[in-house]
């Protein structure tokens, strides 16, 4: 029985860590179109932006843990806003990196996903994403956030376990395209909202207070990361 279990684990690891064939170019283009279709129109974006918020708040939480802060909870709201609460020094490098991680997390996750897909590791991407979603679920502290995480995580579990290779590939490419494209829009929306006198306590404003660097330069960083990730990740996905 021990040898059977070991063989099963070895087979599972080979499946997860192995490479899968790239989908046809038309699939890559079609998933790009699907991502654009849920990001560009305002009505669909109000719904799909929830997924970007998951990545945004997950970025805050992950960096908080990596920098030695204590993560106490994450909340996701129906208006697509979110809140990540951590304990630690209210200043210093750890706090700065935690604050900067939100708007940069979705495009960087998309870039990392594009690198995995470019290497043919579709299954590994899906399993890593599922593990991150399940880990984040533990830290959710409100009902809407828990429901959002269960639906999103459940979708990844279903695709990872039950779907065929072609469906998995299309789903993985659609998710990565969505992170790359959807990661560009929030910083522009926030900048426009601040120009109208709103969002006075945004991540950029918090970073400005922490570093004494103008908020406009932090917006430049957010835009640079998202646009460079889109260009670099897009080249990997299109194999240019």
C-alpha atoms as a PDB file:
ATOM      1  CA  UNK A   1       0.000   0.000   0.000  1.00  0.00           C
ATOM      2  CA  UNK A   2       2.873   2.354   0.811  1.00  0.00           C
ATOM      3  CA  UNK A   3       4.427   1.757  -2.602  1.00  0.00           C
ATOM      4  CA  UNK A   4       1.064   2.365  -4.299  1.00  0.00           C
ATOM      5  CA  UNK A   5       0.603   5.669  -2.472  1.00  0.00           C
ATOM      6  CA  UNK A   6       4.141   6.709  -3.316  1.00  0.00           C
ATOM      7  CA  UNK A   7       3.615   5.857  -6.957  1.00  0.00           C
ATOM      8  CA  UNK A   8       0.342   7.814  -7.004  1.00  0.00           C
ATOM      9  CA  UNK A   9       2.003  10.874  -5.471  1.00  0.00           C
ATOM     10  CA  UNK A  10       4.861  10.604  -7.927  1.00  0.00           C
ATOM     11  CA  UNK A  11       2.420  10.366 -10.812  1.00  0.00           C
ATOM     12  CA  UNK A  12       0.475  13.380  -9.516  1.00  0.00           C
ATOM     13  CA  UNK A  13       3.665  15.412  -9.145  1.00  0.00           C
ATOM     14  CA  UNK A  14       4.748  14.499 -12.661  1.00  0.00           C
ATOM     15  CA  UNK A  15       1.370  15.661 -13.974  1.00  0.00           C
ATOM     16  CA  UNK A  16       1.490  18.957 -12.080  1.00  0.00           C
ATOM     17  CA  UNK A  17       5.134  19.795 -12.754  1.00  0.00           C
ATOM     18  CA  UNK A  18       5.225  18.514 -16.314  1.00  0.00           C
ATOM     19  CA  UNK A  19       4.605  20.486 -19.480  1.00  0.00           C
ATOM     20  CA  UNK A  20       1.512  20.504 -21.654  1.00  0.00           C
ATOM     21  CA  UNK A  21       1.265  21.331 -25.355  1.00  0.00           C
ATOM     22  CA  UNK A  22       0.522  24.941 -26.281  1.00  0.00           C
ATOM     23  CA  UNK A  23      -2.993  25.628 -27.560  1.00  0.00           C
ATOM     24  CA  UNK A  24      -3.555  26.716 -31.135  1.00  0.00           C
ATOM     25  CA  UNK A  25      -2.977  30.388 -31.878  1.00  0.00           C
ATOM     26  CA  UNK A  26      -6.692  30.941 -32.471  1.00  0.00           C
ATOM     27  CA  UNK A  27      -7.356  29.869 -28.856  1.00  0.00           C
ATOM     28  CA  UNK A  28      -4.818  32.402 -27.586  1.00  0.00           C
ATOM     29  CA  UNK A  29      -6.414  35.149 -29.711  1.00  0.00           C
ATOM     30  CA  UNK A  30      -9.930  34.118 -28.670  1.00  0.00           C
ATOM     31  CA  UNK A  31      -9.050  34.242 -24.966  1.00  0.00           C
ATOM     32  CA  UNK A  32      -7.493  37.668 -25.509  1.00  0.00           C
ATOM     33  CA  UNK A  33     -10.765  38.803 -27.050  1.00  0.00           C
ATOM     34  CA  UNK A  34     -12.724  37.323 -24.142  1.00  0.00           C
ATOM     35  CA  UNK A  35     -10.558  39.189 -21.642  1.00  0.00           C
ATOM     36  CA  UNK A  36     -11.044  42.464 -23.510  1.00  0.00           C
ATOM     37  CA  UNK A  37     -14.796  41.817 -23.616  1.00  0.00           C
ATOM     38  CA  UNK A  38     -15.080  41.681 -19.809  1.00  0.00           C
ATOM     39  CA  UNK A  39     -12.627  44.513 -19.077  1.00  0.00           C
ATOM     40  CA  UNK A  40     -13.476  47.247 -21.593  1.00  0.00           C
ATOM     41  CA  UNK A  41     -17.306  47.537 -21.305  1.00  0.00           C
ATOM     42  CA  UNK A  42     -18.201  49.373 -18.093  1.00  0.00           C
ATOM     43  CA  UNK A  43     -21.136  47.118 -17.211  1.00  0.00           C
ATOM     44  CA  UNK A  44     -19.170  43.873 -17.390  1.00  0.00           C
ATOM     45  CA  UNK A  45     -16.143  45.491 -15.765  1.00  0.00           C
ATOM     46  CA  UNK A  46     -18.202  46.281 -12.648  1.00  0.00           C
ATOM     47  CA  UNK A  47     -18.629  42.511 -12.222  1.00  0.00           C
ATOM     48  CA  UNK A  48     -15.290  41.194 -13.446  1.00  0.00           C
ATOM     49  CA  UNK A  49     -13.383  43.763 -11.387  1.00  0.00           C
ATOM     50  CA  UNK A  50     -14.154  41.603  -8.337  1.00  0.00           C
ATOM     51  CA  UNK A  51     -11.484  39.188  -9.548  1.00  0.00           C
ATOM     52  CA  UNK A  52      -8.939  42.009  -9.811  1.00  0.00           C
ATOM     53  CA  UNK A  53      -9.852  43.037  -6.264  1.00  0.00           C
ATOM     54  CA  UNK A  54      -9.070  39.496  -5.096  1.00  0.00           C
ATOM     55  CA  UNK A  55      -5.592  39.763  -6.635  1.00  0.00           C
ATOM     56  CA  UNK A  56      -5.157  43.330  -5.301  1.00  0.00           C
ATOM     57  CA  UNK A  57      -6.001  42.457  -1.698  1.00  0.00           C
ATOM     58  CA  UNK A  58      -4.163  39.153  -1.961  1.00  0.00           C
ATOM     59  CA  UNK A  59      -1.064  41.112  -2.979  1.00  0.00           C
ATOM     60  CA  UNK A  60      -1.355  43.303   0.109  1.00  0.00           C
ATOM     61  CA  UNK A  61      -1.790  40.239   2.312  1.00  0.00           C
ATOM     62  CA  UNK A  62       1.025  38.174   0.824  1.00  0.00           C
ATOM     63  CA  UNK A  63       3.581  40.982   1.003  1.00  0.00           C
ATOM     64  CA  UNK A  64       2.496  41.800   4.552  1.00  0.00           C
ATOM     65  CA  UNK A  65       3.298  38.223   5.570  1.00  0.00           C
ATOM     66  CA  UNK A  66       6.572  38.167   3.632  1.00  0.00           C
ATOM     67  CA  UNK A  67       7.750  41.359   5.338  1.00  0.00           C
ATOM     68  CA  UNK A  68       7.023  40.066   8.836  1.00  0.00           C
ATOM     69  CA  UNK A  69       3.714  41.796   9.476  1.00  0.00           C
ATOM     70  CA  UNK A  70       0.769  39.981  11.064  1.00  0.00           C
ATOM     71  CA  UNK A  71      -2.139  39.585   8.659  1.00  0.00           C
ATOM     72  CA  UNK A  72      -5.401  39.862  10.617  1.00  0.00           C
ATOM     73  CA  UNK A  73      -8.006  39.788   7.869  1.00  0.00           C
ATOM     74  CA  UNK A  74      -9.170  40.613   4.353  1.00  0.00           C
ATOM     75  CA  UNK A  75     -12.563  41.979   3.337  1.00  0.00           C
ATOM     76  CA  UNK A  76     -14.023  42.078  -0.179  1.00  0.00           C
ATOM     77  CA  UNK A  77     -17.024  44.313  -0.831  1.00  0.00           C
ATOM     78  CA  UNK A  78     -19.795  44.230  -3.420  1.00  0.00           C
ATOM     79  CA  UNK A  79     -18.716  47.604  -4.852  1.00  0.00           C
ATOM     80  CA  UNK A  80     -15.416  45.872  -5.826  1.00  0.00           C
ATOM     81  CA  UNK A  81     -13.467  47.662  -3.104  1.00  0.00           C
ATOM     82  CA  UNK A  82     -11.513  45.745  -0.488  1.00  0.00           C
ATOM     83  CA  UNK A  83      -9.586  46.103   2.726  1.00  0.00           C
ATOM     84  CA  UNK A  84      -6.564  44.212   4.033  1.00  0.00           C
ATOM     85  CA  UNK A  85      -5.638  44.699   7.685  1.00  0.00           C
ATOM     86  CA  UNK A  86      -2.226  43.801   9.092  1.00  0.00           C
ATOM     87  CA  UNK A  87      -0.422  44.588  12.323  1.00  0.00           C
ATOM     88  CA  UNK A  88       3.127  45.844  12.631  1.00  0.00           C
ATOM     89  CA  UNK A  89       5.074  49.062  12.503  1.00  0.00           C
ATOM     90  CA  UNK A  90       2.998  51.819  10.859  1.00  0.00           C
ATOM     91  CA  UNK A  91       6.059  52.914   8.911  1.00  0.00           C
ATOM     92  CA  UNK A  92       9.208  51.442   7.413  1.00  0.00           C
ATOM     93  CA  UNK A  93       9.997  49.238   4.425  1.00  0.00           C
ATOM     94  CA  UNK A  94       7.514  46.499   5.318  1.00  0.00           C
ATOM     95  CA  UNK A  95       4.607  48.927   5.409  1.00  0.00           C
ATOM     96  CA  UNK A  96       5.742  50.607   2.179  1.00  0.00           C
ATOM     97  CA  UNK A  97       6.024  47.320   0.290  1.00  0.00           C
ATOM     98  CA  UNK A  98       2.661  46.167   1.642  1.00  0.00           C
ATOM     99  CA  UNK A  99       0.957  49.360   0.493  1.00  0.00           C
ATOM    100  CA  UNK A 100       2.626  49.219  -2.923  1.00  0.00           C
ATOM    101  CA  UNK A 101       1.658  45.591  -3.512  1.00  0.00           C
ATOM    102  CA  UNK A 102      -2.038  46.166  -4.218  1.00  0.00           C
ATOM    103  CA  UNK A 103      -2.096  47.839  -7.624  1.00  0.00           C
ATOM    104  CA  UNK A 104       1.010  45.999  -8.790  1.00  0.00           C
ATOM    105  CA  UNK A 105      -0.175  42.512  -7.775  1.00  0.00           C
ATOM    106  CA  UNK A 106      -2.679  41.739 -10.601  1.00  0.00           C
ATOM    107  CA  UNK A 107      -0.334  42.640 -13.497  1.00  0.00           C
ATOM    108  CA  UNK A 108       2.640  40.928 -11.844  1.00  0.00           C
ATOM    109  CA  UNK A 109       0.561  37.806 -11.241  1.00  0.00           C
ATOM    110  CA  UNK A 110      -0.429  37.966 -14.892  1.00  0.00           C
ATOM    111  CA  UNK A 111       3.215  38.299 -15.906  1.00  0.00           C
ATOM    112  CA  UNK A 112       4.172  35.306 -13.781  1.00  0.00           C
ATOM    113  CA  UNK A 113       1.285  33.337 -15.243  1.00  0.00           C
ATOM    114  CA  UNK A 114       2.369  34.257 -18.760  1.00  0.00           C
ATOM    115  CA  UNK A 115       5.869  32.977 -17.979  1.00  0.00           C
ATOM    116  CA  UNK A 116       4.427  29.641 -16.815  1.00  0.00           C
ATOM    117  CA  UNK A 117       2.214  29.347 -19.880  1.00  0.00           C
ATOM    118  CA  UNK A 118       5.106  30.284 -22.124  1.00  0.00           C
ATOM    119  CA  UNK A 119       6.980  27.335 -20.582  1.00  0.00           C
ATOM    120  CA  UNK A 120       4.020  25.030 -21.181  1.00  0.00           C
ATOM    121  CA  UNK A 121       3.159  24.584 -17.495  1.00  0.00           C
ATOM    122  CA  UNK A 122      -0.601  24.990 -17.696  1.00  0.00           C
ATOM    123  CA  UNK A 123      -1.453  22.493 -14.931  1.00  0.00           C
ATOM    124  CA  UNK A 124       1.087  23.993 -12.544  1.00  0.00           C
ATOM    125  CA  UNK A 125      -0.426  27.441 -13.093  1.00  0.00           C
ATOM    126  CA  UNK A 126      -3.937  26.201 -12.294  1.00  0.00           C
ATOM    127  CA  UNK A 127      -2.824  24.379  -9.157  1.00  0.00           C
ATOM    128  CA  UNK A 128      -0.785  27.317  -7.867  1.00  0.00           C
ATOM    129  CA  UNK A 129      -3.721  29.669  -8.435  1.00  0.00           C
ATOM    130  CA  UNK A 130      -6.065  27.273  -6.625  1.00  0.00           C
ATOM    131  CA  UNK A 131      -3.688  26.990  -3.669  1.00  0.00           C
ATOM    132  CA  UNK A 132      -3.369  30.776  -3.386  1.00  0.00           C
ATOM    133  CA  UNK A 133      -7.145  31.223  -3.492  1.00  0.00           C
ATOM    134  CA  UNK A 134      -7.686  28.596  -0.792  1.00  0.00           C
ATOM    135  CA  UNK A 135      -5.020  30.181   1.403  1.00  0.00           C
ATOM    136  CA  UNK A 136      -6.622  33.596   0.968  1.00  0.00           C
ATOM    137  CA  UNK A 137     -10.069  32.212   1.805  1.00  0.00           C
ATOM    138  CA  UNK A 138      -8.875  31.465   5.345  1.00  0.00           C
ATOM    139  CA  UNK A 139      -8.211  35.179   5.909  1.00  0.00           C
ATOM    140  CA  UNK A 140     -11.545  36.493   4.576  1.00  0.00           C
ATOM    141  CA  UNK A 141     -13.590  38.224   7.257  1.00  0.00           C
ATOM    142  CA  UNK A 142     -16.937  39.045   5.622  1.00  0.00           C
ATOM    143  CA  UNK A 143     -19.751  37.074   4.004  1.00  0.00           C
ATOM    144  CA  UNK A 144     -19.566  38.655   0.544  1.00  0.00           C
ATOM    145  CA  UNK A 145     -15.820  38.102   0.454  1.00  0.00           C
ATOM    146  CA  UNK A 146     -16.210  34.465   1.474  1.00  0.00           C
ATOM    147  CA  UNK A 147     -18.868  33.894  -1.204  1.00  0.00           C
ATOM    148  CA  UNK A 148     -16.680  35.530  -3.860  1.00  0.00           C
ATOM    149  CA  UNK A 149     -13.692  33.401  -2.876  1.00  0.00           C
ATOM    150  CA  UNK A 150     -15.733  30.180  -2.799  1.00  0.00           C
ATOM    151  CA  UNK A 151     -17.137  30.813  -6.273  1.00  0.00           C
ATOM    152  CA  UNK A 152     -13.741  31.767  -7.725  1.00  0.00           C
ATOM    153  CA  UNK A 153     -11.842  28.983  -5.985  1.00  0.00           C
ATOM    154  CA  UNK A 154     -14.534  26.451  -6.855  1.00  0.00           C
ATOM    155  CA  UNK A 155     -14.259  27.366 -10.535  1.00  0.00           C
ATOM    156  CA  UNK A 156     -10.499  26.777 -10.460  1.00  0.00           C
ATOM    157  CA  UNK A 157     -10.961  23.434  -8.671  1.00  0.00           C
ATOM    158  CA  UNK A 158     -13.550  22.266 -11.196  1.00  0.00           C
ATOM    159  CA  UNK A 159     -11.396  23.207 -14.170  1.00  0.00           C
ATOM    160  CA  UNK A 160      -8.226  21.756 -12.620  1.00  0.00           C
ATOM    161  CA  UNK A 161      -9.806  18.411 -11.721  1.00  0.00           C
ATOM    162  CA  UNK A 162     -12.602  17.774 -14.198  1.00  0.00           C
ATOM    163  CA  UNK A 163     -11.907  19.650 -17.429  1.00  0.00           C
ATOM    164  CA  UNK A 164      -9.933  18.271 -20.332  1.00  0.00           C
ATOM    165  CA  UNK A 165      -6.549  19.617 -21.467  1.00  0.00           C
ATOM    166  CA  UNK A 166      -7.995  21.928 -24.123  1.00  0.00           C
ATOM    167  CA  UNK A 167     -10.480  23.509 -21.713  1.00  0.00           C
ATOM    168  CA  UNK A 168      -7.776  23.887 -19.070  1.00  0.00           C
ATOM    169  CA  UNK A 169      -5.497  25.604 -21.561  1.00  0.00           C
ATOM    170  CA  UNK A 170      -8.212  28.013 -22.737  1.00  0.00           C
ATOM    171  CA  UNK A 171      -9.207  28.802 -19.143  1.00  0.00           C
ATOM    172  CA  UNK A 172      -5.594  29.403 -18.073  1.00  0.00           C
ATOM    173  CA  UNK A 173      -4.907  31.728 -21.006  1.00  0.00           C
ATOM    174  CA  UNK A 174      -8.151  33.633 -20.389  1.00  0.00           C
ATOM    175  CA  UNK A 175      -7.262  34.132 -16.711  1.00  0.00           C
ATOM    176  CA  UNK A 176      -3.766  35.382 -17.488  1.00  0.00           C
ATOM    177  CA  UNK A 177      -4.961  37.730 -20.226  1.00  0.00           C
ATOM    178  CA  UNK A 178      -7.573  39.055 -17.811  1.00  0.00           C
ATOM    179  CA  UNK A 179      -4.980  39.768 -15.112  1.00  0.00           C
ATOM    180  CA  UNK A 180      -2.694  41.495 -17.594  1.00  0.00           C
ATOM    181  CA  UNK A 181      -5.397  43.647 -19.188  1.00  0.00           C
ATOM    182  CA  UNK A 182      -7.530  44.126 -16.089  1.00  0.00           C
ATOM    183  CA  UNK A 183      -4.448  45.099 -14.108  1.00  0.00           C
ATOM    184  CA  UNK A 184      -4.054  48.240 -16.224  1.00  0.00           C
ATOM    185  CA  UNK A 185      -7.447  49.850 -15.680  1.00  0.00           C
ATOM    186  CA  UNK A 186      -7.716  50.290 -11.846  1.00  0.00           C
ATOM    187  CA  UNK A 187      -4.817  52.747 -11.477  1.00  0.00           C
ATOM    188  CA  UNK A 188      -6.256  54.958 -14.214  1.00  0.00           C
ATOM    189  CA  UNK A 189      -9.676  54.810 -12.553  1.00  0.00           C
ATOM    190  CA  UNK A 190      -8.183  55.743  -9.193  1.00  0.00           C
ATOM    191  CA  UNK A 191      -6.237  58.625 -10.714  1.00  0.00           C
ATOM    192  CA  UNK A 192      -9.392  59.957 -12.366  1.00  0.00           C
ATOM    193  CA  UNK A 193     -11.311  59.651  -9.091  1.00  0.00           C
ATOM    194  CA  UNK A 194      -8.612  61.596  -7.227  1.00  0.00           C
ATOM    195  CA  UNK A 195      -8.735  64.299  -9.908  1.00  0.00           C
ATOM    196  CA  UNK A 196     -12.428  64.736  -9.062  1.00  0.00           C
ATOM    197  CA  UNK A 197     -11.581  65.131  -5.369  1.00  0.00           C
ATOM    198  CA  UNK A 198     -12.291  61.567  -4.237  1.00  0.00           C
ATOM    199  CA  UNK A 199     -10.221  58.655  -2.892  1.00  0.00           C
ATOM    200  CA  UNK A 200      -8.149  60.858  -0.599  1.00  0.00           C
ATOM    201  CA  UNK A 201      -6.836  57.863   1.326  1.00  0.00           C
ATOM    202  CA  UNK A 202      -5.842  55.703  -1.637  1.00  0.00           C
ATOM    203  CA  UNK A 203      -2.795  53.441  -1.727  1.00  0.00           C
ATOM    204  CA  UNK A 204      -0.892  56.171  -3.589  1.00  0.00           C
ATOM    205  CA  UNK A 205      -1.737  58.727  -0.884  1.00  0.00           C
ATOM    206  CA  UNK A 206      -0.728  56.332   1.884  1.00  0.00           C
ATOM    207  CA  UNK A 207       2.557  55.678   0.097  1.00  0.00           C
ATOM    208  CA  UNK A 208       3.093  59.412  -0.296  1.00  0.00           C
ATOM    209  CA  UNK A 209       2.685  59.921   3.448  1.00  0.00           C
ATOM    210  CA  UNK A 210       4.976  56.986   4.222  1.00  0.00           C
ATOM    211  CA  UNK A 211       7.771  58.008   1.841  1.00  0.00           C
ATOM    212  CA  UNK A 212       7.283  61.774   1.329  1.00  0.00           C
ATOM    213  CA  UNK A 213       7.271  61.018  -2.404  1.00  0.00           C
ATOM    214  CA  UNK A 214       4.428  62.683  -4.378  1.00  0.00           C
ATOM    215  CA  UNK A 215       1.438  60.444  -5.074  1.00  0.00           C
ATOM    216  CA  UNK A 216       1.866  61.164  -8.774  1.00  0.00           C
ATOM    217  CA  UNK A 217       5.160  59.264  -8.800  1.00  0.00           C
ATOM    218  CA  UNK A 218       3.482  56.267  -7.199  1.00  0.00           C
ATOM    219  CA  UNK A 219       0.842  56.381  -9.907  1.00  0.00           C
ATOM    220  CA  UNK A 220       3.682  56.397 -12.433  1.00  0.00           C
ATOM    221  CA  UNK A 221       5.015  53.223 -10.790  1.00  0.00           C
ATOM    222  CA  UNK A 222       1.587  51.559 -10.919  1.00  0.00           C
ATOM    223  CA  UNK A 223       1.185  52.446 -14.600  1.00  0.00           C
ATOM    224  CA  UNK A 224       4.732  51.377 -15.478  1.00  0.00           C
ATOM    225  CA  UNK A 225       4.346  47.981 -13.805  1.00  0.00           C
ATOM    226  CA  UNK A 226       0.950  47.267 -15.350  1.00  0.00           C
ATOM    227  CA  UNK A 227       1.823  48.389 -18.882  1.00  0.00           C
ATOM    228  CA  UNK A 228       5.231  46.685 -18.925  1.00  0.00           C
ATOM    229  CA  UNK A 229       3.647  43.491 -17.584  1.00  0.00           C
ATOM    230  CA  UNK A 230       1.003  43.625 -20.303  1.00  0.00           C
ATOM    231  CA  UNK A 231       3.604  44.083 -23.021  1.00  0.00           C
ATOM    232  CA  UNK A 232       5.990  41.452 -21.687  1.00  0.00           C
ATOM    233  CA  UNK A 233       3.292  38.951 -20.768  1.00  0.00           C
ATOM    234  CA  UNK A 234       1.519  39.454 -24.083  1.00  0.00           C
ATOM    235  CA  UNK A 235       4.712  38.672 -25.979  1.00  0.00           C
ATOM    236  CA  UNK A 236       5.095  35.426 -24.026  1.00  0.00           C
ATOM    237  CA  UNK A 237       1.496  34.408 -24.609  1.00  0.00           C
ATOM    238  CA  UNK A 238       1.680  35.199 -28.323  1.00  0.00           C
ATOM    239  CA  UNK A 239       5.177  33.634 -28.513  1.00  0.00           C
ATOM    240  CA  UNK A 240       6.631  36.723 -30.171  1.00  0.00           C
END
